[in-house]
Amino acid sequence: MDDLVFPAHARIAMARDQIAVEGVYHVIGDADEILPRDDGRTEYVGVWDGRTLMVVIEDDGLTVVTAFELKRRRRRAR
C-alpha cells in the first residue's frame, strides 16, 4: 500500500480516540467491511487492538479523511 496522507483533521480525530497510524493501516489492509460512498470516499471498518474502527479515505485512495472508534454501529448525524 502506498503511503497515506494524514491531514490535520484526521490526526485530531485519531488523537481524540487514541488511534495510532499503524491502526489505520491495519484497518485498511484487513477491513471487515469496505463501504463505498456516493461522494467517492470509502469507509473501512475493522478491528485493531480489540476495538472496532472506521477509517474514511478520499476518492484519491491516499488521503485519510477521518478515523474513529465505533462505539455504536454508526455515528449519529449532526
C-alpha atoms as a PDB file:
ATOM      1  CA  MET A   1       0.000   0.000   0.000  1.00  0.00           C
ATOM      2  CA  ASP A   2       1.198   3.489  -0.799  1.00  0.00           C
ATOM      3  CA  ASP A   3       1.906   5.960   1.952  1.00  0.00           C
ATOM      4  CA  LEU A   4      -1.252   7.543   3.285  1.00  0.00           C
ATOM      5  CA  VAL A   5      -1.662  11.281   3.800  1.00  0.00           C
ATOM      6  CA  PHE A   6      -2.918  12.370   7.225  1.00  0.00           C
ATOM      7  CA  PRO A   7      -4.268  15.966   7.158  1.00  0.00           C
ATOM      8  CA  ALA A   8      -4.695  17.861  10.425  1.00  0.00           C
ATOM      9  CA  HIS A   9      -8.390  16.974  10.757  1.00  0.00           C
ATOM     10  CA  ALA A  10      -7.624  13.250  10.535  1.00  0.00           C
ATOM     11  CA  ARG A  11      -4.787  13.496  13.064  1.00  0.00           C
ATOM     12  CA  ILE A  12      -7.036  15.362  15.516  1.00  0.00           C
ATOM     13  CA  ALA A  13      -9.760  12.711  15.192  1.00  0.00           C
ATOM     14  CA  MET A  14      -7.192   9.942  15.637  1.00  0.00           C
ATOM     15  CA  ALA A  15      -5.718  11.605  18.720  1.00  0.00           C
ATOM     16  CA  ARG A  16      -9.187  12.083  20.235  1.00  0.00           C
ATOM     17  CA  ASP A  17      -9.862   8.329  20.002  1.00  0.00           C
ATOM     18  CA  GLN A  18      -6.217   7.339  20.603  1.00  0.00           C
ATOM     19  CA  ILE A  19      -5.774   5.623  17.234  1.00  0.00           C
ATOM     20  CA  ALA A  20      -2.210   5.082  16.062  1.00  0.00           C
ATOM     21  CA  VAL A  21      -1.172   5.389  12.416  1.00  0.00           C
ATOM     22  CA  GLU A  22      -0.479   1.644  12.492  1.00  0.00           C
ATOM     23  CA  GLY A  23      -4.127   1.056  13.371  1.00  0.00           C
ATOM     24  CA  VAL A  24      -5.284   2.982  10.314  1.00  0.00           C
ATOM     25  CA  TYR A  25      -3.005   0.955   8.039  1.00  0.00           C
ATOM     26  CA  HIS A  26      -4.190  -2.277   9.674  1.00  0.00           C
ATOM     27  CA  VAL A  27      -7.894  -1.480   9.236  1.00  0.00           C
ATOM     28  CA  ILE A  28      -7.424  -0.520   5.590  1.00  0.00           C
ATOM     29  CA  GLY A  29      -5.345  -3.602   4.866  1.00  0.00           C
ATOM     30  CA  ASP A  30      -7.554  -6.073   6.750  1.00  0.00           C
ATOM     31  CA  ALA A  31     -11.011  -4.486   6.755  1.00  0.00           C
ATOM     32  CA  ASP A  32     -14.057  -6.489   7.781  1.00  0.00           C
ATOM     33  CA  GLU A  33     -16.218  -4.152   5.684  1.00  0.00           C
ATOM     34  CA  ILE A  34     -15.399  -1.834   2.786  1.00  0.00           C
ATOM     35  CA  LEU A  35     -18.228   0.571   2.062  1.00  0.00           C
ATOM     36  CA  PRO A  36     -18.081   2.847  -0.992  1.00  0.00           C
ATOM     37  CA  ARG A  37     -19.950   6.115  -0.519  1.00  0.00           C
ATOM     38  CA  ASP A  38     -21.852   8.228  -3.037  1.00  0.00           C
ATOM     39  CA  ASP A  39     -19.325  11.067  -2.634  1.00  0.00           C
ATOM     40  CA  GLY A  40     -16.453   8.870  -3.875  1.00  0.00           C
ATOM     41  CA  ARG A  41     -14.973   8.297  -0.431  1.00  0.00           C
ATOM     42  CA  THR A  42     -14.590   4.809   1.001  1.00  0.00           C
ATOM     43  CA  GLU A  43     -15.268   3.662   4.571  1.00  0.00           C
ATOM     44  CA  TYR A  44     -13.191   0.832   6.012  1.00  0.00           C
ATOM     45  CA  VAL A  45     -14.377  -0.910   9.176  1.00  0.00           C
ATOM     46  CA  GLY A  46     -12.152  -3.325  11.038  1.00  0.00           C
ATOM     47  CA  VAL A  47     -10.811  -4.394  14.401  1.00  0.00           C
ATOM     48  CA  TRP A  48      -7.473  -3.217  15.728  1.00  0.00           C
ATOM     49  CA  ASP A  49      -6.199  -3.646  19.254  1.00  0.00           C
ATOM     50  CA  GLY A  50      -9.590  -5.054  20.317  1.00  0.00           C
ATOM     51  CA  ARG A  51     -11.511  -2.002  19.114  1.00  0.00           C
ATOM     52  CA  THR A  52     -13.743  -1.561  16.073  1.00  0.00           C
ATOM     53  CA  LEU A  53     -12.518   1.364  13.991  1.00  0.00           C
ATOM     54  CA  MET A  54     -13.799   3.207  10.949  1.00  0.00           C
ATOM     55  CA  VAL A  55     -11.370   4.872   8.565  1.00  0.00           C
ATOM     56  CA  VAL A  56     -12.667   7.117   5.781  1.00  0.00           C
ATOM     57  CA  ILE A  57     -10.436   7.619   2.730  1.00  0.00           C
ATOM     58  CA  GLU A  58     -10.823  10.252  -0.013  1.00  0.00           C
ATOM     59  CA  ASP A  59     -11.522   9.138  -3.562  1.00  0.00           C
ATOM     60  CA  ASP A  60      -7.790   9.508  -4.328  1.00  0.00           C
ATOM     61  CA  GLY A  61      -7.226   6.375  -2.221  1.00  0.00           C
ATOM     62  CA  LEU A  62      -4.442   8.026  -0.204  1.00  0.00           C
ATOM     63  CA  THR A  63      -5.880  10.822   1.929  1.00  0.00           C
ATOM     64  CA  VAL A  64      -7.366   9.890   5.293  1.00  0.00           C
ATOM     65  CA  VAL A  65     -10.471  11.991   5.942  1.00  0.00           C
ATOM     66  CA  THR A  66     -11.022  10.708   9.472  1.00  0.00           C
ATOM     67  CA  ALA A  67     -10.603   7.683  11.705  1.00  0.00           C
ATOM     68  CA  PHE A  68     -12.573   6.946  14.840  1.00  0.00           C
ATOM     69  CA  GLU A  69     -13.689   4.162  17.144  1.00  0.00           C
ATOM     70  CA  LEU A  70     -17.162   2.821  16.523  1.00  0.00           C
ATOM     71  CA  LYS A  71     -18.716   2.679  19.959  1.00  0.00           C
ATOM     72  CA  ARG A  72     -22.057   2.071  18.333  1.00  0.00           C
ATOM     73  CA  ARG A  73     -22.718   0.874  14.814  1.00  0.00           C
ATOM     74  CA  ARG A  74     -22.684   4.333  13.240  1.00  0.00           C
ATOM     75  CA  ARG A  75     -22.199   7.875  14.453  1.00  0.00           C
ATOM     76  CA  ARG A  76     -25.385   9.879  14.609  1.00  0.00           C
ATOM     77  CA  ALA A  77     -25.896  12.605  12.062  1.00  0.00           C
ATOM     78  CA  ARG A  78     -25.404  16.065  13.471  1.00  0.00           C
END
